[in-house]
Amino acid sequence: MSSAGYLDGKDTVTSVDHVENAQSVPGITNYRLYKRRFSGLLGFIILGIVTGMQWSWFGPIATDTANEFDISLAQVNWLGNMALCVSLPASFLVPVIASRYGIRRCSEIGGVMLLISAWVRYAGTIRSLSPHSAYVLLFFGQLFGAISKPVFPILGPVFSERWFDLKSRTTATMAIAIAGPIGSALGQLLSPSMSTVRQSIVVLSIISTAALPAVLLILDWPPSPPTYSGSKQPLSFTSLFRATLGLAVSKEAYMSRRERIDFVILTLVFGSLDGAINVLSVLSAQWFQPVGYSDTTCGLLGATLFLSGITAAVFSAPLFDRVFTHSMGVTFKTLVPIVSLLWLSLIWAAKPNNAAALFVSMAVIGSCCMTILPLAIELGIELTRNANGSSAILWCSGNLFGIILILVEGALRAPSTADPPYNMRDCTHPPWARREVDEAMIKATVLGAVNTGGVRLVLQDERANIWRYLCRPLDAHFIPWQKLLFDFASIARLPPPSPPPEKLR
C-alpha cells in the first residue's frame, strides 16, 4: 500500500496501532459515569418515538386519507416518501451541525422542526380548504417533520459514546435506534383507531407538541468521560468520506482495505433491511388490504413486526454488551440470510385467510431486523471510529433504499379493474407481447384459409392491430390473443369464435 493512505507517510496502520495510540495519549484517566446520562437517554427515546410516529402515521389509513381528502393513493404515499427523500440531505448535515454546534443545539433544531411540522399538518385539516390546498399543507407538514427524522438516530451513537461505558454503550445505542421503530409501531396502532383521518392528525399534533420539552434533557458532554473514546473530539464527516475512498487522512481516521470493504457491505445490508421496514410503515395497508385485510389488521401486522423486534432488541443488547461482545459479526452473518428469506416469503404469504402465518412472519422478521440494526450501527462505528459519520451513512442508506422500494412497488400496483383491485402482483404477469402476436397471426392465418376471400382483409387488419398493440400505454392491460382473434374474425366477416371471458375484455 502506498503512503498516500494517510498523512504521516507510514505504510500500514492496524487496530493495534489505534490501541497503542490510546494508551500513549496523556490526559484524562479518571473515567466516570453520571446518573444524568439516563435523562439524556430518555430525551432521545421520546423524541425518536415521536419522529418515527409521524411519518408512518398515514400507512394503515392510506385509503381513508385518499377518500377523505379527495387525493390519490400515490399522493398519500408521498406523504411518507417525503420523509425519506428529505432525510437524505439532512442525514449528511446532522454530523456537520453536531460537530460545529454540539449535540444539544442540533437536537433543538430537530425539536423545532418537529413542532412546526405538527401544526402545518394540522392546518391542512381545515374543511374549507380545497383538496389541493389541504394536500399542500399536509405535504409541507411532512417535509418539516422529515428534517427532524434523521437527527436523533444519527446523534444517538455519539451520545452513547460520550456518556456510557463499555458495559452499557451498545444497550444505549440500541435504545435510541429502536425508538424510531417504536414510534412507527405506535403510529400503526393509533392512526386507525381514530374515527376520522382529521381527528388522527389532531392527535398527532398534540403528541408532537408534548414531546418538545424532552430536548432540555439532552446535554453535550459529561464533566468526565466514561471511556477514552468518549473523551475524543468527533472525527469529521469529510475524513470518513476520504478514508472510505482510500485517500490521505489522519492516523485516527485511517481505514484498511478490509475495513473499507466491510463498511460498504454493512451499508448495503443495513440499507436493504431498514428500507424494507420503511416500506412496511408506508405501504402496510396497500400490501394487505387488496387481499382482504382491514385497516386494523394491517396496523396490527405492522405493529407486530415492530413490537416483536423491540422485545428482541431489549433482551439481546445487554447480552452483546456483557457476554457476546466479540460475536456481533457472527450474529450479523447468521441473521441476515434468515431475515432475507422471510421477507421473500411474503410474496406467497400475502393471500386471503392467512392472517396467522402473516403474524408469525412479521414477528420473526421484526425480531431479526431489530437485533441486526443496532449491531450494524455498532459495527459501523468499530470499523470507522467515526460515530457521527458512520451512523449518518447507514441511516441515509436505509432512507435511499426505502425511496427506491416505495417507487418500485407503486409502479407495480395493478389498476382498479384487476383481481383483486390495486394488488401489487403486476410483476408476476410479464408482457408476452411477441408470443401473443405470433399466436394471433397463426390463428388468423388458419381462419383465412377457410375463407380465402377474407385473408387479405384479415392480414391488413392484423398489421393495424399489431401496431396499436405495440404502441399502447405501458401500464395498460395486455390484450389477450383470444380478444385480438375475436376482433380479426369480426372484421373479416368470419364466424366469430367463442367470446372471451368478461374479465379479459
Protein backbone atom coordinates (compact mmCIF):
# COMPACT_ATOMS: atom_id res chain seq x y z
CA MET A 1 0.00 0.00 0.00
CA SER A 2 1.31 3.45 -0.89
CA SER A 3 1.99 6.16 1.60
CA ALA A 4 -0.98 8.11 0.23
CA GLY A 5 -3.25 6.17 2.56
CA TYR A 6 -2.72 8.60 5.44
CA LEU A 7 -0.87 11.79 6.18
CA ASP A 8 2.18 10.73 8.15
CA GLY A 9 3.63 8.58 5.37
CA LYS A 10 3.70 5.18 7.15
CA ASP A 11 2.86 2.09 5.17
CA THR A 12 0.29 0.45 7.44
CA VAL A 13 -2.00 1.30 10.30
CA THR A 14 -3.75 -1.52 12.14
CA SER A 15 -6.19 -1.76 15.01
CA VAL A 16 -3.19 -2.42 17.27
CA ASP A 17 -1.81 1.00 16.34
CA HIS A 18 -5.08 2.59 17.41
CA VAL A 19 -4.86 0.82 20.78
CA GLU A 20 -1.24 1.88 21.29
CA ASN A 21 -2.14 5.47 20.44
CA ALA A 22 -4.93 5.39 23.00
CA GLN A 23 -2.59 4.05 25.68
CA SER A 24 0.16 6.57 24.97
CA VAL A 25 -2.00 9.69 24.99
CA PRO A 26 -1.55 11.64 28.22
CA GLY A 27 -4.59 13.27 29.75
CA ILE A 28 -7.75 12.18 31.45
CA THR A 29 -7.60 8.75 33.02
CA ASN A 30 -10.31 9.15 35.66
CA TYR A 31 -13.30 7.84 33.73
CA ARG A 32 -16.69 8.28 35.39
CA LEU A 33 -20.37 7.62 34.81
CA TYR A 34 -23.13 10.08 35.73
CA LYS A 35 -26.77 9.37 36.53
CA ARG A 36 -27.83 12.27 34.34
CA ARG A 37 -26.94 10.13 31.33
CA PHE A 38 -30.27 8.36 31.77
CA SER A 39 -32.24 11.60 31.49
CA GLY A 40 -30.48 12.38 28.22
CA LEU A 41 -31.19 8.86 27.00
CA LEU A 42 -34.86 9.34 27.91
CA GLY A 43 -34.94 12.57 25.90
CA PHE A 44 -33.54 10.82 22.83
CA ILE A 45 -36.04 7.98 23.18
CA ILE A 46 -39.06 10.30 23.48
CA LEU A 47 -38.06 12.42 20.51
CA GLY A 48 -37.15 9.35 18.46
CA ILE A 49 -40.54 7.79 19.14
CA VAL A 50 -42.44 10.88 18.01
CA THR A 51 -40.39 11.35 14.84
CA GLY A 52 -40.92 7.69 13.99
CA MET A 53 -44.63 8.03 14.66
CA GLN A 54 -45.31 10.97 12.36
CA TRP A 55 -44.00 9.59 9.09
CA SER A 56 -45.65 6.15 9.45
CA TRP A 57 -48.95 7.69 10.55
CA PHE A 58 -50.63 7.52 7.13
CA GLY A 59 -49.55 3.95 6.27
CA PRO A 60 -52.53 1.99 7.71
CA ILE A 61 -55.05 4.69 6.75
CA ALA A 62 -53.82 5.39 3.22
CA THR A 63 -57.15 4.53 1.58
CA ASP A 64 -59.16 6.53 4.13
CA THR A 65 -56.83 9.51 3.70
CA ALA A 66 -57.24 9.40 -0.07
CA ASN A 67 -61.03 9.29 0.24
CA GLU A 68 -61.37 11.92 2.97
CA PHE A 69 -59.07 14.47 1.30
CA ASP A 70 -60.06 13.54 -2.26
CA ILE A 71 -56.50 12.71 -3.33
CA SER A 72 -54.88 9.69 -4.96
CA LEU A 73 -53.08 6.83 -3.25
CA ALA A 74 -49.87 7.92 -4.96
CA GLN A 75 -50.18 11.33 -3.26
CA VAL A 76 -50.75 9.64 0.09
CA ASN A 77 -47.63 7.53 -0.47
CA TRP A 78 -45.61 10.68 -0.98
CA LEU A 79 -46.60 11.87 2.47
CA GLY A 80 -44.47 9.01 3.76
CA ASN A 81 -41.97 9.05 0.92
CA MET A 82 -41.25 12.72 1.59
CA ALA A 83 -39.69 11.83 4.93
CA LEU A 84 -37.27 9.51 3.19
CA CYS A 85 -36.36 11.97 0.42
CA VAL A 86 -35.67 14.92 2.71
CA SER A 87 -33.79 12.69 5.13
CA LEU A 88 -31.12 12.02 2.50
CA PRO A 89 -29.54 15.51 2.50
CA ALA A 90 -30.50 16.09 6.14
CA SER A 91 -28.57 12.98 7.18
CA PHE A 92 -25.32 14.48 5.87
CA LEU A 93 -25.97 17.84 7.53
CA VAL A 94 -26.54 16.38 11.01
CA PRO A 95 -22.86 15.40 11.62
CA VAL A 96 -21.68 18.79 10.36
CA ILE A 97 -24.05 20.74 12.62
CA ALA A 98 -23.35 18.49 15.60
CA SER A 99 -19.57 18.86 15.19
CA ARG A 100 -19.79 22.63 14.98
CA TYR A 101 -22.57 23.47 17.44
CA GLY A 102 -22.92 20.35 19.61
CA ILE A 103 -25.47 17.64 20.22
CA ARG A 104 -27.79 19.89 22.25
CA ARG A 105 -28.15 22.59 19.60
CA CYS A 106 -28.65 20.03 16.83
CA SER A 107 -31.36 18.34 18.92
CA GLU A 108 -33.06 21.71 19.44
CA ILE A 109 -33.21 22.23 15.68
CA GLY A 110 -34.80 18.80 15.28
CA GLY A 111 -37.34 19.56 18.01
CA VAL A 112 -38.36 22.87 16.45
CA MET A 113 -38.83 21.21 13.05
CA LEU A 114 -40.99 18.59 14.75
CA LEU A 115 -43.22 21.29 16.29
CA ILE A 116 -43.59 23.21 13.02
CA SER A 117 -44.49 20.05 11.13
CA ALA A 118 -47.22 19.20 13.64
CA TRP A 119 -49.18 22.42 13.23
CA VAL A 120 -48.62 22.91 9.50
CA ARG A 121 -50.04 19.42 9.06
CA TYR A 122 -52.94 20.34 11.35
CA ALA A 123 -53.69 23.42 9.22
CA GLY A 124 -54.35 21.06 6.32
CA THR A 125 -57.36 19.58 8.14
CA ILE A 126 -59.46 22.74 7.78
CA ARG A 127 -62.56 21.63 5.91
CA SER A 128 -63.00 24.87 3.94
CA LEU A 129 -59.76 24.22 2.05
CA SER A 130 -59.78 22.70 -1.42
CA PRO A 131 -58.28 19.21 -1.80
CA HIS A 132 -55.22 20.73 -3.49
CA SER A 133 -54.63 23.31 -0.74
CA ALA A 134 -55.14 20.75 2.03
CA TYR A 135 -52.68 18.38 0.39
CA VAL A 136 -50.07 21.12 0.05
CA LEU A 137 -50.24 21.78 3.79
CA LEU A 138 -50.06 18.08 4.59
CA PHE A 139 -47.10 17.77 2.25
CA PHE A 140 -45.16 20.64 3.81
CA GLY A 141 -46.02 19.38 7.28
CA GLN A 142 -44.40 16.08 6.37
CA LEU A 143 -41.45 17.94 4.86
CA PHE A 144 -40.65 19.80 8.09
CA GLY A 145 -41.08 16.58 10.04
CA ALA A 146 -38.70 14.83 7.64
CA ILE A 147 -35.94 17.26 8.60
CA SER A 148 -36.18 16.09 12.21
CA LYS A 149 -36.39 12.38 11.32
CA PRO A 150 -32.63 11.61 10.95
CA VAL A 151 -31.45 13.91 13.76
CA PHE A 152 -31.95 11.67 16.78
CA PRO A 153 -30.96 8.28 15.30
CA ILE A 154 -27.71 9.77 13.97
CA LEU A 155 -26.85 11.60 17.19
CA GLY A 156 -27.67 8.53 19.30
CA PRO A 157 -24.35 6.65 18.84
CA VAL A 158 -22.40 9.85 19.58
CA PHE A 159 -24.38 10.42 22.76
CA SER A 160 -23.89 6.82 23.94
CA GLU A 161 -20.15 7.03 23.20
CA ARG A 162 -19.80 10.21 25.28
CA TRP A 163 -21.97 9.19 28.24
CA PHE A 164 -21.87 5.36 28.57
CA ASP A 165 -19.07 2.89 29.25
CA LEU A 166 -18.21 -0.38 27.50
CA LYS A 167 -20.74 -2.38 29.51
CA SER A 168 -23.72 -0.23 28.53
CA ARG A 169 -22.79 1.56 25.31
CA THR A 170 -24.37 -0.97 22.94
CA THR A 171 -27.56 -1.03 25.03
CA ALA A 172 -27.81 2.77 24.91
CA THR A 173 -27.27 2.78 21.15
CA MET A 174 -29.92 0.09 20.79
CA ALA A 175 -32.44 2.03 22.89
CA ILE A 176 -32.08 5.12 20.73
CA ALA A 177 -32.03 3.14 17.48
CA ILE A 178 -35.29 1.32 18.22
CA ALA A 179 -37.07 4.48 19.36
CA GLY A 180 -37.99 5.18 15.74
CA PRO A 181 -39.45 1.69 15.20
CA ILE A 182 -41.36 2.04 18.48
CA GLY A 183 -42.86 5.23 17.12
CA SER A 184 -43.70 3.50 13.86
CA ALA A 185 -45.46 0.73 15.78
CA LEU A 186 -47.46 3.25 17.80
CA GLY A 187 -48.35 5.11 14.60
CA GLN A 188 -49.55 1.85 13.05
CA LEU A 189 -51.78 1.25 16.08
CA LEU A 190 -53.06 4.75 16.85
CA SER A 191 -53.92 6.16 13.43
CA PRO A 192 -56.55 3.51 12.52
CA SER A 193 -58.14 3.78 15.98
CA MET A 194 -59.41 7.33 15.37
CA SER A 195 -62.84 7.91 13.91
CA THR A 196 -61.60 10.16 11.09
CA VAL A 197 -58.27 10.99 9.46
CA ARG A 198 -58.59 14.63 10.51
CA GLN A 199 -59.04 13.63 14.13
CA SER A 200 -55.95 11.44 13.96
CA ILE A 201 -53.90 14.36 12.63
CA VAL A 202 -55.01 16.50 15.56
CA VAL A 203 -53.90 13.78 17.99
CA LEU A 204 -50.51 13.56 16.26
CA SER A 205 -50.06 17.34 16.56
CA ILE A 206 -50.76 17.24 20.31
CA ILE A 207 -48.31 14.37 20.83
CA SER A 208 -45.59 16.19 18.86
CA THR A 209 -46.04 19.36 20.89
CA ALA A 210 -45.95 17.50 24.20
CA ALA A 211 -42.65 15.82 23.25
CA LEU A 212 -40.75 19.05 22.59
CA PRO A 213 -39.57 19.70 26.22
CA ALA A 214 -37.60 16.42 26.06
CA VAL A 215 -34.90 18.39 24.22
CA LEU A 216 -33.98 20.02 27.55
CA LEU A 217 -32.88 16.65 28.92
CA ILE A 218 -30.05 16.31 26.37
CA LEU A 219 -26.57 17.64 27.23
CA ASP A 220 -23.42 17.76 25.13
CA TRP A 221 -20.62 16.40 27.34
CA PRO A 222 -20.31 14.90 30.82
CA PRO A 223 -17.83 16.53 33.25
CA SER A 224 -15.56 13.47 32.88
CA PRO A 225 -15.72 10.96 30.02
CA PRO A 226 -16.72 7.31 30.57
CA THR A 227 -14.03 5.90 28.24
CA TYR A 228 -11.09 7.02 26.16
CA SER A 229 -13.25 7.13 23.02
CA GLY A 230 -15.74 9.30 24.86
CA SER A 231 -13.04 11.88 25.60
CA LYS A 232 -12.09 12.45 21.95
CA GLN A 233 -13.48 15.12 19.67
CA PRO A 234 -15.53 13.51 16.89
CA LEU A 235 -13.87 12.98 13.54
CA SER A 236 -15.26 14.98 10.64
CA PHE A 237 -17.58 13.55 8.04
CA THR A 238 -15.09 14.54 5.35
CA SER A 239 -12.40 12.38 6.93
CA LEU A 240 -14.70 9.34 6.80
CA PHE A 241 -15.53 10.00 3.17
CA ARG A 242 -11.84 10.27 2.27
CA ALA A 243 -10.94 7.19 4.32
CA THR A 244 -13.65 5.13 2.63
CA LEU A 245 -12.22 6.09 -0.76
CA GLY A 246 -8.69 5.25 0.36
CA LEU A 247 -7.46 8.86 0.24
CA ALA A 248 -4.99 10.53 2.60
CA VAL A 249 -6.36 11.03 6.14
CA SER A 250 -5.04 11.31 9.66
CA LYS A 251 -3.96 8.17 11.52
CA GLU A 252 -7.09 8.26 13.70
CA ALA A 253 -9.38 8.24 10.64
CA TYR A 254 -7.47 5.69 8.58
CA MET A 255 -9.32 2.54 7.42
CA SER A 256 -7.64 -0.54 6.00
CA ARG A 257 -8.82 -2.06 2.74
CA ARG A 258 -10.66 -4.81 4.60
CA GLU A 259 -12.40 -2.26 6.81
CA ARG A 260 -13.49 -0.26 3.79
CA ILE A 261 -14.94 -3.34 2.07
CA ASP A 262 -16.69 -4.44 5.26
CA PHE A 263 -18.20 -0.99 5.75
CA VAL A 264 -19.57 -0.93 2.18
CA ILE A 265 -21.14 -4.38 2.66
CA LEU A 266 -22.54 -3.29 6.02
CA THR A 267 -24.06 -0.17 4.44
CA LEU A 268 -25.77 -2.16 1.67
CA VAL A 269 -27.21 -4.74 4.05
CA PHE A 270 -28.35 -2.14 6.58
CA GLY A 271 -29.91 -0.05 3.82
CA SER A 272 -31.83 -3.03 2.41
CA LEU A 273 -33.26 -4.14 5.74
CA ASP A 274 -34.05 -0.66 7.05
CA GLY A 275 -35.53 0.29 3.67
CA ALA A 276 -37.84 -2.73 3.79
CA ILE A 277 -39.05 -1.69 7.24
CA ASN A 278 -39.62 1.85 5.96
CA VAL A 279 -41.71 0.48 3.10
CA LEU A 280 -43.85 -1.54 5.52
CA SER A 281 -44.55 1.62 7.52
CA VAL A 282 -45.77 3.46 4.41
CA LEU A 283 -47.43 0.69 2.39
CA SER A 284 -48.77 -1.71 5.01
CA ALA A 285 -52.40 -1.12 4.02
CA GLN A 286 -51.58 -1.36 0.32
CA TRP A 287 -49.83 -4.69 0.85
CA PHE A 288 -52.61 -6.44 2.73
CA GLN A 289 -55.91 -4.64 2.03
CA PRO A 290 -56.19 -5.89 -1.59
CA VAL A 291 -56.20 -9.48 -0.34
CA GLY A 292 -58.99 -8.88 2.16
CA TYR A 293 -57.49 -7.48 5.38
CA SER A 294 -58.93 -4.45 7.17
CA ASP A 295 -57.17 -1.23 8.22
CA THR A 296 -56.99 -2.50 11.79
CA THR A 297 -55.42 -5.81 10.76
CA CYS A 298 -52.88 -4.00 8.57
CA GLY A 299 -51.94 -1.80 11.50
CA LEU A 300 -51.65 -4.81 13.81
CA LEU A 301 -49.37 -6.59 11.32
CA GLY A 302 -47.03 -3.61 11.21
CA ALA A 303 -47.16 -3.22 14.97
CA THR A 304 -46.37 -6.93 15.42
CA LEU A 305 -43.16 -6.53 13.44
CA PHE A 306 -42.04 -3.52 15.45
CA LEU A 307 -43.09 -4.73 18.91
CA SER A 308 -41.54 -8.18 18.48
CA GLY A 309 -38.37 -6.53 17.25
CA ILE A 310 -38.30 -4.16 20.19
CA THR A 311 -38.65 -7.07 22.60
CA ALA A 312 -35.82 -8.96 20.90
CA ALA A 313 -33.57 -5.89 20.92
CA VAL A 314 -34.21 -5.18 24.60
CA PHE A 315 -33.09 -8.68 25.56
CA SER A 316 -30.22 -9.04 23.07
CA ALA A 317 -28.44 -5.68 23.50
CA PRO A 318 -27.31 -6.23 27.12
CA LEU A 319 -26.02 -9.68 26.14
CA PHE A 320 -23.88 -8.18 23.40
CA ASP A 321 -22.64 -5.55 25.86
CA ARG A 322 -21.54 -8.02 28.54
CA VAL A 323 -21.38 -11.59 27.18
CA PHE A 324 -21.20 -11.79 23.39
CA THR A 325 -19.07 -8.69 22.91
CA HIS A 326 -16.97 -10.25 20.15
CA SER A 327 -19.80 -12.15 18.47
CA MET A 328 -21.52 -9.26 16.69
CA GLY A 329 -20.10 -10.18 13.29
CA VAL A 330 -21.12 -13.83 13.55
CA THR A 331 -24.63 -12.87 14.65
CA PHE A 332 -24.89 -10.44 11.75
CA LYS A 333 -23.85 -13.11 9.21
CA THR A 334 -26.31 -15.61 10.67
CA LEU A 335 -29.41 -13.44 10.89
CA VAL A 336 -29.17 -11.59 7.57
CA PRO A 337 -29.84 -14.65 5.33
CA ILE A 338 -32.71 -15.74 7.59
CA VAL A 339 -34.50 -12.41 7.54
CA SER A 340 -33.91 -12.02 3.80
CA LEU A 341 -35.69 -15.30 3.09
CA LEU A 342 -38.56 -14.30 5.38
CA TRP A 343 -39.05 -11.02 3.52
CA LEU A 344 -39.10 -13.01 0.27
CA SER A 345 -41.69 -15.42 1.67
CA LEU A 346 -44.23 -12.60 1.97
CA ILE A 347 -44.78 -12.89 -1.79
CA TRP A 348 -46.67 -16.13 -1.15
CA ALA A 349 -47.87 -15.44 2.40
CA ALA A 350 -49.88 -12.32 1.48
CA LYS A 351 -53.12 -14.05 0.49
CA PRO A 352 -56.69 -14.26 1.86
CA ASN A 353 -57.38 -16.10 5.11
CA ASN A 354 -53.72 -16.40 6.01
CA ALA A 355 -53.54 -13.95 8.91
CA ALA A 356 -51.91 -16.40 11.32
CA ALA A 357 -48.95 -17.06 9.01
CA LEU A 358 -48.58 -13.33 8.34
CA PHE A 359 -48.46 -12.50 12.05
CA VAL A 360 -45.83 -15.20 12.63
CA SER A 361 -43.76 -13.92 9.70
CA MET A 362 -43.98 -10.34 10.96
CA ALA A 363 -42.90 -11.41 14.45
CA VAL A 364 -39.85 -13.32 13.23
CA ILE A 365 -38.85 -10.62 10.74
CA GLY A 366 -39.14 -7.96 13.42
CA SER A 367 -37.09 -9.95 15.93
CA CYS A 368 -34.26 -10.49 13.44
CA CYS A 369 -34.26 -6.98 11.93
CA MET A 370 -34.34 -5.11 15.24
CA THR A 371 -31.48 -7.23 16.51
CA ILE A 372 -29.44 -6.61 13.36
CA LEU A 373 -29.87 -2.84 13.05
CA PRO A 374 -28.29 -1.77 16.39
CA LEU A 375 -25.50 -4.29 15.82
CA ALA A 376 -24.85 -2.81 12.39
CA ILE A 377 -24.57 0.68 13.86
CA GLU A 378 -22.05 -0.52 16.46
CA LEU A 379 -20.09 -2.46 13.84
CA GLY A 380 -20.01 0.66 11.66
CA ILE A 381 -18.51 2.68 14.50
CA GLU A 382 -15.95 -0.06 15.19
CA LEU A 383 -14.90 -0.11 11.54
CA THR A 384 -14.66 3.67 11.10
CA ARG A 385 -14.00 5.04 14.63
CA ASN A 386 -16.40 7.80 13.49
CA ALA A 387 -19.76 7.61 15.29
CA ASN A 388 -21.22 10.69 13.61
CA GLY A 389 -20.27 9.87 10.05
CA SER A 390 -20.89 6.12 10.06
CA SER A 391 -24.36 6.37 11.58
CA ALA A 392 -25.26 9.13 9.11
CA ILE A 393 -24.25 6.96 6.15
CA LEU A 394 -26.07 3.89 7.49
CA TRP A 395 -29.35 5.70 8.18
CA CYS A 396 -29.08 7.52 4.86
CA SER A 397 -28.72 4.21 3.03
CA GLY A 398 -31.91 2.98 4.71
CA ASN A 399 -33.79 6.06 3.52
CA LEU A 400 -32.42 5.69 -0.02
CA PHE A 401 -33.42 2.05 -0.28
CA GLY A 402 -36.83 2.92 1.16
CA ILE A 403 -37.43 5.51 -1.58
CA ILE A 404 -36.43 3.05 -4.29
CA LEU A 405 -38.65 0.29 -2.94
CA ILE A 406 -41.68 2.56 -2.49
CA LEU A 407 -41.40 3.90 -6.04
CA VAL A 408 -40.95 0.42 -7.48
CA GLU A 409 -43.91 -1.00 -5.60
CA GLY A 410 -46.04 1.96 -6.60
CA ALA A 411 -45.20 1.27 -10.24
CA LEU A 412 -46.15 -2.40 -9.83
CA ARG A 413 -49.59 -1.65 -8.36
CA ALA A 414 -52.36 -3.09 -10.52
CA PRO A 415 -55.33 -0.89 -11.54
CA SER A 416 -58.79 -0.93 -10.01
CA THR A 417 -60.02 -3.37 -12.66
CA ALA A 418 -57.54 -6.06 -11.56
CA ASP A 419 -58.45 -9.10 -9.46
CA PRO A 420 -58.05 -8.17 -6.66
CA PRO A 421 -58.06 -4.40 -7.27
CA TYR A 422 -54.83 -2.49 -6.61
CA ASN A 423 -52.82 -5.62 -5.85
CA MET A 424 -49.04 -5.49 -6.16
CA ARG A 425 -48.61 -8.64 -8.22
CA ASP A 426 -48.42 -6.91 -11.59
CA CYS A 427 -44.80 -8.03 -11.88
CA THR A 428 -45.87 -11.68 -11.87
CA HIS A 429 -47.60 -11.25 -15.25
CA PRO A 430 -44.85 -10.36 -17.70
CA PRO A 431 -45.69 -8.87 -21.11
CA TRP A 432 -45.71 -11.79 -23.54
CA ALA A 433 -46.21 -9.36 -26.44
CA ARG A 434 -44.21 -11.27 -29.07
CA ARG A 435 -45.77 -14.65 -28.23
CA GLU A 436 -49.32 -13.26 -28.19
CA VAL A 437 -48.87 -11.56 -31.56
CA ASP A 438 -47.38 -14.71 -33.10
CA GLU A 439 -50.25 -16.83 -31.79
CA ALA A 440 -52.80 -14.33 -33.13
CA MET A 441 -51.14 -14.40 -36.56
CA ILE A 442 -51.26 -18.22 -36.64
CA LYS A 443 -54.94 -18.29 -35.67
CA ALA A 444 -55.81 -15.60 -38.20
CA THR A 445 -53.98 -17.49 -40.93
CA VAL A 446 -55.92 -20.66 -40.16
CA LEU A 447 -59.22 -18.80 -40.30
CA GLY A 448 -58.16 -17.11 -43.52
CA ALA A 449 -57.56 -20.50 -45.14
CA VAL A 450 -61.23 -21.32 -44.55
CA ASN A 451 -62.44 -18.12 -46.16
CA THR A 452 -59.83 -17.16 -48.75
CA GLY A 453 -61.71 -14.08 -49.76
CA GLY A 454 -61.09 -12.51 -46.37
CA VAL A 455 -57.43 -13.38 -46.00
CA ARG A 456 -56.11 -10.07 -47.27
CA LEU A 457 -58.52 -8.06 -45.12
CA VAL A 458 -57.59 -10.13 -42.07
CA LEU A 459 -53.86 -9.63 -42.62
CA GLN A 460 -54.24 -5.90 -43.17
CA ASP A 461 -56.26 -5.57 -40.01
CA GLU A 462 -53.68 -7.68 -38.19
CA ARG A 463 -50.96 -5.19 -39.09
CA ALA A 464 -53.06 -2.29 -37.83
CA ASN A 465 -53.94 -4.08 -34.60
CA ILE A 466 -50.34 -5.18 -34.04
CA TRP A 467 -49.20 -1.56 -34.43
CA ARG A 468 -51.82 -0.33 -31.97
CA TYR A 469 -50.91 -3.22 -29.68
CA LEU A 470 -47.23 -2.30 -29.60
CA CYS A 471 -47.94 1.43 -29.16
CA ARG A 472 -50.39 1.05 -26.28
CA PRO A 473 -49.53 2.70 -22.89
CA LEU A 474 -47.09 0.66 -20.83
CA ASP A 475 -49.41 0.49 -17.85
CA ALA A 476 -52.40 -0.78 -19.87
CA HIS A 477 -53.60 -4.36 -19.60
CA PHE A 478 -52.14 -6.66 -22.22
CA ILE A 479 -54.74 -7.67 -24.83
CA PRO A 480 -55.22 -11.43 -24.72
CA TRP A 481 -54.78 -13.15 -28.06
CA GLN A 482 -58.33 -14.53 -27.79
CA LYS A 483 -59.76 -10.99 -27.88
CA LEU A 484 -57.43 -9.98 -30.70
CA LEU A 485 -58.60 -13.02 -32.70
CA PHE A 486 -62.22 -12.16 -31.94
CA ASP A 487 -61.68 -8.66 -33.42
CA PHE A 488 -59.94 -10.06 -36.51
CA ALA A 489 -62.72 -12.52 -37.21
CA SER A 490 -65.46 -9.93 -36.82
CA ILE A 491 -63.81 -7.54 -39.30
CA ALA A 492 -63.23 -10.36 -41.82
CA ARG A 493 -66.92 -11.34 -41.52
CA LEU A 494 -65.99 -14.81 -40.41
CA PRO A 495 -67.99 -16.83 -37.90
CA PRO A 496 -66.57 -15.48 -34.62
CA PRO A 497 -65.07 -17.86 -32.08
CA SER A 498 -66.49 -18.07 -28.60
CA PRO A 499 -66.30 -14.65 -26.89
CA PRO A 500 -63.54 -14.30 -24.31
CA PRO A 501 -64.49 -14.18 -20.64
CA GLU A 502 -65.69 -10.83 -19.36
CA LYS A 503 -62.55 -10.21 -17.31
CA LEU A 504 -60.42 -10.47 -20.48
CA ARG A 505 -62.31 -7.80 -22.36
